[in-house]
């Protein structure tokens, strides 16, 4: 038998280090060739690392959350044959294994799996304390002076469980003392109106996608001076048109949500405002404006927020947009989205659907210069033509990079989007 060391492979694109997200195997497990050993994360996507050989896991090279350099030891297996560990290293490993446990040298560079703790005997169980019987009928208010009530409250004593020895069953200070001496149980909380206090805390490390999100948001807020612009949109006619299209074409085409129609409005408005469909390299001081619209749309997954990219949104009708968005969102949620599907956006839409609230302040997807936030649709009374009517209203909460986008241009851009959404027939006119 020999040992086989698997090193962190070069994933490409100039990546020098990755984050270890999850182990798929543990020491002692038998693995087959091409079996997935671990998930690692680059700046763009999660990558599965397969085993090039079959064997038994001897040692893991790190814990989830560790940042590992390309070429560092990922995992060590015991294999049939000589393996790929040099004879000198093999001799050292065997010599270390022959030492008593207390004398075996420890590795200082890499973490090892913690040794299992010795089983402990179960703690001694206290006999349950029987709940005291109430001394007063339900709804009956115990008789006590204000001073006694104040002291009972401070001690956490419920007066309905205390026997009163005074006239007409009045509870006295001596009755409180006797209740405590007899083993009466006070309330857990004494200053919270009788509610139970809770204790404890949990430290949750940021690893994997959550760490990348934190780094991305911090970088965006640190480098980009945001300003936000909120506008109210009357989407009554848009929603009516959407319902008609779904009724007529729902059986033969995918049903439309608001998002594909909003994407269409952005594509048309960006023709007159190309400075919004851009990326800013602030290190080089260069703003790159794009003719194609590579539309990012923020997607919530179990692991955190991803931004799949709808490439060439300008070339798609609303139904093609709906199909592509659904496919990309599913790929993102299932972890199957590739690196090319999660990078390269030129402008982003952020929407929380029915949870969208009235106003949001979305964070720009660096290095883009604009992000469009979609809030929920609310039906409210509106004065139109001197009459109060119910209309479906929705706010667009958008953020812009103030270094390269002026407030007037941002307002004009959103007003152009508003005009298209409030006259939805224009969405289908080239």
Protein backbone atom coordinates (compact mmCIF):
# COMPACT_ATOMS: atom_id res chain seq x y z
CA UNK A 1 0.00 0.00 0.00
CA UNK A 2 1.19 3.52 -0.70
CA UNK A 3 0.05 7.08 -0.20
CA UNK A 4 -1.22 9.48 -2.81
CA UNK A 5 -1.28 13.23 -2.23
CA UNK A 6 -3.82 15.24 -4.21
CA UNK A 7 -2.90 18.90 -4.52
CA UNK A 8 -5.17 21.85 -5.16
CA UNK A 9 -5.42 21.95 -8.96
CA UNK A 10 -4.96 25.02 -11.12
CA UNK A 11 -8.53 25.99 -11.99
CA UNK A 12 -7.39 28.51 -14.59
CA UNK A 13 -8.09 32.20 -15.26
CA UNK A 14 -5.00 33.16 -13.25
CA UNK A 15 -6.56 32.05 -9.95
CA UNK A 16 -3.85 31.64 -7.30
CA UNK A 17 -6.00 30.59 -4.33
CA UNK A 18 -9.47 29.26 -3.59
CA UNK A 19 -11.66 28.85 -0.55
CA UNK A 20 -12.47 25.37 0.73
CA UNK A 21 -16.26 25.34 1.06
CA UNK A 22 -17.26 21.75 1.84
CA UNK A 23 -15.74 18.29 2.16
CA UNK A 24 -17.63 15.48 0.44
CA UNK A 25 -15.52 12.80 2.18
CA UNK A 26 -14.05 12.23 5.64
CA UNK A 27 -11.00 10.29 6.95
CA UNK A 28 -11.62 6.56 6.62
CA UNK A 29 -13.97 6.89 3.65
CA UNK A 30 -13.31 4.82 0.54
CA UNK A 31 -13.37 6.88 -2.63
CA UNK A 32 -13.57 5.84 -6.27
CA UNK A 33 -11.81 7.40 -9.21
CA UNK A 34 -13.57 10.60 -10.36
CA UNK A 35 -15.59 10.78 -7.13
CA UNK A 36 -16.05 14.36 -5.90
CA UNK A 37 -13.83 15.08 -2.90
CA UNK A 38 -14.55 18.71 -2.09
CA UNK A 39 -16.20 21.93 -3.24
CA UNK A 40 -14.03 25.01 -3.53
CA UNK A 41 -14.98 28.54 -4.46
CA UNK A 42 -13.21 31.05 -6.66
CA UNK A 43 -14.19 34.68 -7.06
CA UNK A 44 -16.77 33.62 -9.64
CA UNK A 45 -18.18 30.18 -8.97
CA UNK A 46 -18.10 26.98 -6.94
CA UNK A 47 -15.94 24.20 -8.42
CA UNK A 48 -16.04 20.48 -7.63
CA UNK A 49 -12.68 18.72 -7.17
CA UNK A 50 -12.72 15.03 -8.27
CA UNK A 51 -10.29 12.30 -7.22
CA UNK A 52 -7.87 11.13 -9.93
CA UNK A 53 -7.40 7.78 -8.16
CA UNK A 54 -9.26 5.31 -5.96
CA UNK A 55 -8.26 4.84 -2.35
CA UNK A 56 -9.03 5.46 1.32
CA UNK A 57 -8.95 8.94 2.87
CA UNK A 58 -6.11 9.35 5.36
CA UNK A 59 -6.01 13.09 5.98
CA UNK A 60 -7.80 16.25 4.94
CA UNK A 61 -5.75 19.32 4.09
CA UNK A 62 -7.93 21.95 5.74
CA UNK A 63 -11.26 22.90 7.25
CA UNK A 64 -14.20 24.54 5.47
CA UNK A 65 -13.53 28.25 5.19
CA UNK A 66 -9.76 27.83 4.77
CA UNK A 67 -8.17 29.71 1.86
CA UNK A 68 -5.79 27.35 0.05
CA UNK A 69 -3.16 28.17 -2.54
CA UNK A 70 -3.07 26.36 -5.86
CA UNK A 71 -0.56 23.50 -5.48
CA UNK A 72 -1.03 23.05 -1.74
CA UNK A 73 -1.94 19.63 -0.35
CA UNK A 74 -5.70 19.13 -0.53
CA UNK A 75 -6.10 15.54 0.66
CA UNK A 76 -4.04 12.38 1.20
CA UNK A 77 -5.23 8.90 0.26
CA UNK A 78 -4.00 5.38 0.89
CA UNK A 79 -3.86 3.58 -2.45
CA UNK A 80 -2.88 0.21 -3.85
CA UNK A 81 0.69 0.43 -5.13
CA UNK A 82 3.49 2.89 -4.46
CA UNK A 83 1.39 6.05 -4.62
CA UNK A 84 3.06 9.35 -5.41
CA UNK A 85 4.65 10.19 -2.03
CA UNK A 86 8.45 10.03 -2.25
CA UNK A 87 10.32 7.24 -0.47
CA UNK A 88 11.87 9.72 1.95
CA UNK A 89 8.50 11.17 2.89
CA UNK A 90 7.02 7.65 3.10
CA UNK A 91 9.79 6.63 5.51
CA UNK A 92 9.12 9.66 7.72
CA UNK A 93 5.38 9.00 7.72
CA UNK A 94 5.88 5.34 8.64
CA UNK A 95 8.36 6.25 11.40
CA UNK A 96 5.91 8.78 12.82
CA UNK A 97 3.14 6.19 12.77
CA UNK A 98 5.32 3.78 14.78
CA UNK A 99 5.82 6.29 17.63
CA UNK A 100 3.59 6.27 20.68
CA UNK A 101 0.72 8.70 20.35
CA UNK A 102 2.21 11.19 22.81
CA UNK A 103 5.53 11.28 20.95
CA UNK A 104 4.23 11.42 17.40
CA UNK A 105 5.29 14.69 15.73
CA UNK A 106 2.50 17.09 14.87
CA UNK A 107 2.14 19.02 11.65
CA UNK A 108 2.37 22.77 12.19
CA UNK A 109 1.30 23.95 8.78
CA UNK A 110 -2.11 22.37 8.29
CA UNK A 111 -5.05 21.70 10.59
CA UNK A 112 -5.89 18.14 11.41
CA UNK A 113 -9.21 16.62 12.31
CA UNK A 114 -9.96 16.93 16.05
CA UNK A 115 -9.62 13.76 18.09
CA UNK A 116 -12.91 12.35 19.33
CA UNK A 117 -13.55 13.20 22.94
CA UNK A 118 -14.00 10.45 25.51
CA UNK A 119 -17.60 9.61 26.25
CA UNK A 120 -18.91 11.25 29.36
CA UNK A 121 -21.43 9.83 31.75
CA UNK A 122 -24.77 11.55 31.56
CA UNK A 123 -25.28 14.35 34.10
CA UNK A 124 -27.21 13.57 37.22
CA UNK A 125 -30.85 14.31 36.65
CA UNK A 126 -32.70 16.30 39.27
CA UNK A 127 -36.16 15.04 40.13
CA UNK A 128 -38.79 17.23 38.51
CA UNK A 129 -40.37 19.84 40.71
CA UNK A 130 -44.13 19.58 40.73
CA UNK A 131 -45.92 22.73 39.73
CA UNK A 132 -47.61 24.31 42.74
CA UNK A 133 -51.35 24.21 42.87
CA UNK A 134 -53.15 27.50 42.51
CA UNK A 135 -54.62 28.82 45.77
CA UNK A 136 -57.22 30.96 44.04
CA UNK A 137 -59.92 30.23 41.52
CA UNK A 138 -59.37 31.23 37.89
CA UNK A 139 -60.12 34.93 37.48
CA UNK A 140 -59.99 35.58 41.23
CA UNK A 141 -57.60 38.37 42.16
CA UNK A 142 -55.50 37.56 45.26
CA UNK A 143 -55.87 40.09 48.07
CA UNK A 144 -52.61 41.79 49.03
CA UNK A 145 -51.38 45.25 49.95
CA UNK A 146 -49.41 47.28 47.38
CA UNK A 147 -46.21 46.69 49.37
CA UNK A 148 -46.72 42.91 49.31
CA UNK A 149 -47.51 42.98 45.59
CA UNK A 150 -44.35 45.02 44.92
CA UNK A 151 -42.19 42.61 46.91
CA UNK A 152 -43.77 39.57 45.21
CA UNK A 153 -43.07 41.12 41.81
CA UNK A 154 -39.42 41.76 42.75
CA UNK A 155 -39.05 38.15 43.98
CA UNK A 156 -40.76 36.73 40.90
CA UNK A 157 -43.58 35.14 42.91
CA UNK A 158 -46.99 34.57 41.35
CA UNK A 159 -49.53 35.52 44.05
CA UNK A 160 -52.15 33.04 42.83
CA UNK A 161 -49.93 30.24 44.20
CA UNK A 162 -49.49 31.81 47.68
CA UNK A 163 -51.82 30.97 50.57
CA UNK A 164 -52.99 34.07 52.41
CA UNK A 165 -53.37 33.85 56.20
CA UNK A 166 -54.66 37.37 56.76
CA UNK A 167 -58.28 38.52 57.04
CA UNK A 168 -60.36 37.30 54.06
CA UNK A 169 -57.30 35.40 52.78
CA UNK A 170 -55.09 38.49 52.49
CA UNK A 171 -51.49 37.63 51.58
CA UNK A 172 -48.86 39.02 53.95
CA UNK A 173 -45.08 39.33 53.91
CA UNK A 174 -44.91 36.29 56.19
CA UNK A 175 -46.88 34.29 53.58
CA UNK A 176 -44.28 35.23 50.94
CA UNK A 177 -41.47 34.09 53.25
CA UNK A 178 -43.27 30.83 53.96
CA UNK A 179 -43.85 30.24 50.24
CA UNK A 180 -40.12 30.52 49.53
CA UNK A 181 -39.11 28.37 52.53
CA UNK A 182 -41.52 25.67 51.36
CA UNK A 183 -39.74 25.52 48.00
CA UNK A 184 -41.95 27.77 45.93
CA UNK A 185 -40.50 28.49 42.49
CA UNK A 186 -40.23 32.15 41.43
CA UNK A 187 -40.68 33.20 37.81
CA UNK A 188 -37.63 32.87 35.62
CA UNK A 189 -37.68 36.56 34.74
CA UNK A 190 -38.28 39.16 37.45
CA UNK A 191 -38.21 42.33 35.39
CA UNK A 192 -39.84 41.31 32.14
CA UNK A 193 -43.44 40.85 33.15
CA UNK A 194 -43.11 37.09 33.64
CA UNK A 195 -41.55 36.19 30.27
CA UNK A 196 -38.71 33.69 30.22
CA UNK A 197 -35.20 35.00 29.70
CA UNK A 198 -33.07 33.41 27.02
CA UNK A 199 -29.32 33.01 27.13
CA UNK A 200 -26.57 31.79 24.85
CA UNK A 201 -24.97 32.92 21.62
CA UNK A 202 -23.76 31.36 18.41
CA UNK A 203 -20.71 32.34 16.37
CA UNK A 204 -21.41 31.76 12.67
CA UNK A 205 -18.31 31.99 10.44
CA UNK A 206 -18.72 33.51 6.99
CA UNK A 207 -17.52 30.93 4.50
CA UNK A 208 -18.16 30.05 0.90
CA UNK A 209 -20.63 32.17 -1.01
CA UNK A 210 -21.57 34.19 2.09
CA UNK A 211 -17.95 35.31 2.48
CA UNK A 212 -17.77 36.29 -1.19
CA UNK A 213 -20.99 38.30 -0.84
CA UNK A 214 -19.61 40.11 2.21
CA UNK A 215 -16.39 40.95 0.40
CA UNK A 216 -18.24 42.08 -2.72
CA UNK A 217 -20.64 44.33 -0.81
CA UNK A 218 -17.86 45.84 1.28
CA UNK A 219 -15.81 46.55 -1.82
CA UNK A 220 -18.77 48.11 -3.63
CA UNK A 221 -19.70 50.40 -0.73
CA UNK A 222 -16.08 51.33 -0.04
CA UNK A 223 -15.21 52.24 -3.62
CA UNK A 224 -18.46 53.55 -5.08
CA UNK A 225 -20.15 56.78 -3.91
CA UNK A 226 -23.78 55.69 -4.25
CA UNK A 227 -26.76 57.91 -4.75
CA UNK A 228 -30.31 56.63 -5.05
CA UNK A 229 -33.31 57.83 -7.03
CA UNK A 230 -36.85 56.59 -6.34
CA UNK A 231 -39.76 57.02 -8.74
CA UNK A 232 -43.35 55.82 -8.54
CA UNK A 233 -44.62 53.91 -11.57
CA UNK A 234 -48.28 53.34 -12.43
CA UNK A 235 -48.27 49.75 -13.69
CA UNK A 236 -52.04 49.33 -13.95
CA UNK A 237 -52.02 49.17 -17.76
CA UNK A 238 -48.85 47.05 -17.77
CA UNK A 239 -50.44 44.48 -15.48
CA UNK A 240 -53.60 44.45 -17.58
CA UNK A 241 -51.56 43.85 -20.74
CA UNK A 242 -49.54 41.13 -19.03
CA UNK A 243 -52.75 39.35 -17.99
CA UNK A 244 -54.09 39.53 -21.54
CA UNK A 245 -50.86 38.17 -23.03
CA UNK A 246 -50.77 35.30 -20.55
CA UNK A 247 -54.40 34.45 -21.24
CA UNK A 248 -53.86 34.45 -24.98
CA UNK A 249 -50.38 32.95 -25.24
CA UNK A 250 -49.96 31.17 -21.90
CA UNK A 251 -50.68 27.74 -23.38
CA UNK A 252 -48.17 28.08 -26.22
CA UNK A 253 -45.52 30.29 -24.58
CA UNK A 254 -44.18 30.77 -21.09
CA UNK A 255 -46.26 33.01 -18.86
CA UNK A 256 -44.83 36.46 -18.33
CA UNK A 257 -43.97 37.99 -14.98
CA UNK A 258 -43.12 41.64 -14.48
CA UNK A 259 -39.38 41.03 -14.80
CA UNK A 260 -39.18 40.29 -18.56
CA UNK A 261 -41.26 43.40 -19.32
CA UNK A 262 -39.03 45.53 -17.11
CA UNK A 263 -35.98 44.07 -18.84
CA UNK A 264 -37.48 45.08 -22.18
CA UNK A 265 -38.07 48.63 -20.93
CA UNK A 266 -34.45 48.88 -19.76
CA UNK A 267 -33.12 47.66 -23.10
CA UNK A 268 -35.11 50.31 -24.97
CA UNK A 269 -34.24 53.13 -22.56
CA UNK A 270 -30.52 52.29 -22.62
CA UNK A 271 -30.38 53.17 -26.32
CA UNK A 272 -30.69 56.83 -25.31
CA UNK A 273 -28.66 56.49 -22.10
CA UNK A 274 -25.61 54.36 -22.95
CA UNK A 275 -23.71 55.79 -19.96
CA UNK A 276 -25.86 53.59 -17.70
CA UNK A 277 -24.91 50.37 -19.49
CA UNK A 278 -21.29 50.60 -18.45
CA UNK A 279 -18.51 49.40 -16.19
CA UNK A 280 -16.02 51.70 -14.46
CA UNK A 281 -12.40 50.64 -13.99
CA UNK A 282 -11.52 53.14 -11.28
CA UNK A 283 -7.91 51.93 -11.08
CA UNK A 284 -7.34 52.81 -14.75
CA UNK A 285 -9.83 55.69 -14.76
CA UNK A 286 -11.72 54.28 -17.75
CA UNK A 287 -15.49 53.95 -18.23
CA UNK A 288 -16.42 51.31 -20.81
CA UNK A 289 -19.85 51.69 -22.38
CA UNK A 290 -21.36 48.59 -23.96
CA UNK A 291 -23.57 48.20 -27.00
CA UNK A 292 -24.92 44.77 -25.91
CA UNK A 293 -27.00 44.66 -22.75
CA UNK A 294 -25.74 41.88 -20.49
CA UNK A 295 -28.43 42.08 -17.82
CA UNK A 296 -27.63 40.76 -14.35
CA UNK A 297 -30.53 39.87 -12.09
CA UNK A 298 -30.02 39.29 -8.39
CA UNK A 299 -31.22 35.79 -7.40
CA UNK A 300 -31.64 34.54 -3.86
CA UNK A 301 -30.37 31.01 -3.20
CA UNK A 302 -30.05 28.89 -0.05
CA UNK A 303 -26.35 29.75 0.05
CA UNK A 304 -26.80 33.49 -0.56
CA UNK A 305 -27.20 36.03 -3.33
CA UNK A 306 -26.06 35.26 -6.89
CA UNK A 307 -26.24 37.44 -10.00
CA UNK A 308 -26.78 35.29 -13.11
CA UNK A 309 -26.29 37.18 -16.37
CA UNK A 310 -28.77 37.35 -19.24
CA UNK A 311 -26.45 37.96 -22.18
CA UNK A 312 -27.64 40.03 -25.13
CA UNK A 313 -30.97 40.91 -23.56
CA UNK A 314 -31.43 43.40 -26.40
CA UNK A 315 -31.91 40.52 -28.85
CA UNK A 316 -34.71 38.77 -26.91
CA UNK A 317 -38.47 39.29 -26.84
CA UNK A 318 -40.21 39.09 -23.42
CA UNK A 319 -40.97 35.37 -23.76
CA UNK A 320 -37.39 34.45 -24.64
CA UNK A 321 -36.26 36.64 -21.75
CA UNK A 322 -38.65 34.85 -19.37
CA UNK A 323 -37.38 31.40 -20.43
CA UNK A 324 -33.74 32.36 -20.08
CA UNK A 325 -34.23 34.03 -16.70
CA UNK A 326 -36.04 30.94 -15.37
CA UNK A 327 -33.25 28.64 -16.59
CA UNK A 328 -30.46 30.79 -15.17
CA UNK A 329 -32.24 31.23 -11.84
CA UNK A 330 -32.71 27.48 -11.48
CA UNK A 331 -29.06 26.85 -12.38
CA UNK A 332 -27.99 29.35 -9.77
CA UNK A 333 -30.18 27.90 -7.02
CA UNK A 334 -29.04 24.35 -7.75
CA UNK A 335 -25.36 25.34 -7.91
CA UNK A 336 -25.02 24.38 -11.58
CA UNK A 337 -24.41 27.87 -12.98
CA UNK A 338 -21.07 28.17 -14.75
CA UNK A 339 -18.55 30.97 -14.31
CA UNK A 340 -19.53 32.54 -17.63
CA UNK A 341 -23.16 32.66 -16.46
CA UNK A 342 -22.24 34.53 -13.26
CA UNK A 343 -19.97 37.24 -14.64
CA UNK A 344 -19.83 39.97 -17.25
CA UNK A 345 -23.06 41.87 -16.50
CA UNK A 346 -23.27 45.51 -17.57
CA UNK A 347 -26.33 46.59 -15.54
CA UNK A 348 -28.32 44.73 -12.87
CA UNK A 349 -31.92 44.40 -11.70
CA UNK A 350 -32.63 43.61 -8.04
CA UNK A 351 -36.11 42.48 -7.03
CA UNK A 352 -37.58 40.94 -3.90
CA UNK A 353 -40.95 40.26 -5.55
CA UNK A 354 -43.92 40.64 -3.18
CA UNK A 355 -41.47 41.25 -0.29
CA UNK A 356 -39.97 44.23 -2.10
CA UNK A 357 -41.21 46.86 0.32
CA UNK A 358 -41.96 50.43 -0.69
CA UNK A 359 -38.39 51.72 -1.02
CA UNK A 360 -34.97 50.04 -1.10
CA UNK A 361 -31.40 51.28 -1.55
CA UNK A 362 -29.73 48.58 -3.68
CA UNK A 363 -25.95 48.24 -3.70
CA UNK A 364 -24.32 48.57 -7.11
CA UNK A 365 -22.84 45.38 -8.54
CA UNK A 366 -19.22 46.56 -8.83
CA UNK A 367 -17.79 47.55 -11.34
CA UNK A 368 -21.12 48.50 -12.93
CA UNK A 369 -22.44 52.03 -12.55
CA UNK A 370 -26.20 51.45 -12.09
CA UNK A 371 -28.64 49.02 -10.48
CA UNK A 372 -32.44 49.03 -10.74
CA UNK A 373 -34.38 47.97 -7.63
CA UNK A 374 -37.95 46.73 -8.07
CA UNK A 375 -40.39 47.21 -5.19
CA UNK A 376 -43.72 45.52 -4.65
CA UNK A 377 -46.93 46.49 -6.44
CA UNK A 378 -49.54 48.11 -4.20
CA UNK A 379 -53.06 49.15 -5.18
CA UNK A 380 -53.81 52.63 -3.84
CA UNK A 381 -56.37 55.38 -4.44
CA UNK A 382 -55.19 57.95 -6.99
CA UNK A 383 -56.81 61.17 -8.18
CA UNK A 384 -57.27 60.96 -11.97
CA UNK A 385 -59.43 63.41 -13.92
CA UNK A 386 -60.96 64.73 -10.74
CA UNK A 387 -62.07 61.30 -9.56
CA UNK A 388 -60.49 58.97 -7.01
CA UNK A 389 -59.72 55.60 -8.62
CA UNK A 390 -57.75 52.55 -7.60
CA UNK A 391 -54.41 52.14 -9.44
CA UNK A 392 -51.59 49.63 -9.17
CA UNK A 393 -48.41 51.50 -8.20
CA UNK A 394 -44.83 50.36 -7.87
CA UNK A 395 -41.64 52.18 -6.94
CA UNK A 396 -38.34 51.78 -8.76
CA UNK A 397 -35.48 52.34 -6.30
CA UNK A 398 -32.29 52.73 -8.30
CA UNK A 399 -28.69 53.44 -7.31
CA UNK A 400 -25.97 55.05 -9.41
CA UNK A 401 -22.21 55.64 -9.25
CA UNK A 402 -21.97 59.40 -8.68
CA UNK A 403 -18.41 59.52 -10.00
CA UNK A 404 -19.57 58.90 -13.55
CA UNK A 405 -23.37 59.38 -13.48
CA UNK A 406 -24.91 62.79 -12.80
CA UNK A 407 -28.19 63.07 -10.90
CA UNK A 408 -29.96 64.72 -13.84
CA UNK A 409 -29.00 61.89 -16.21
CA UNK A 410 -30.13 59.27 -13.69
CA UNK A 411 -33.51 61.01 -13.30
CA UNK A 412 -34.00 61.26 -17.08
CA UNK A 413 -33.11 57.61 -17.51
CA UNK A 414 -35.64 56.43 -14.92
CA UNK A 415 -38.28 58.74 -16.39
CA UNK A 416 -37.69 57.10 -19.79
CA UNK A 417 -38.18 53.68 -18.20
CA UNK A 418 -41.32 54.96 -16.50
CA UNK A 419 -42.78 56.24 -19.78
CA UNK A 420 -42.31 52.83 -21.39
CA UNK A 421 -43.87 50.92 -18.48
CA UNK A 422 -46.85 53.26 -18.22
CA UNK A 423 -47.48 52.98 -22.00
CA UNK A 424 -46.72 49.26 -22.34
CA UNK A 425 -47.62 49.04 -26.06
CA UNK A 426 -44.34 50.90 -26.68
CA UNK A 427 -42.44 47.87 -25.38
CA UNK A 428 -43.31 46.05 -28.61
CA UNK A 429 -42.37 48.91 -30.96
CA UNK A 430 -38.87 49.01 -32.38
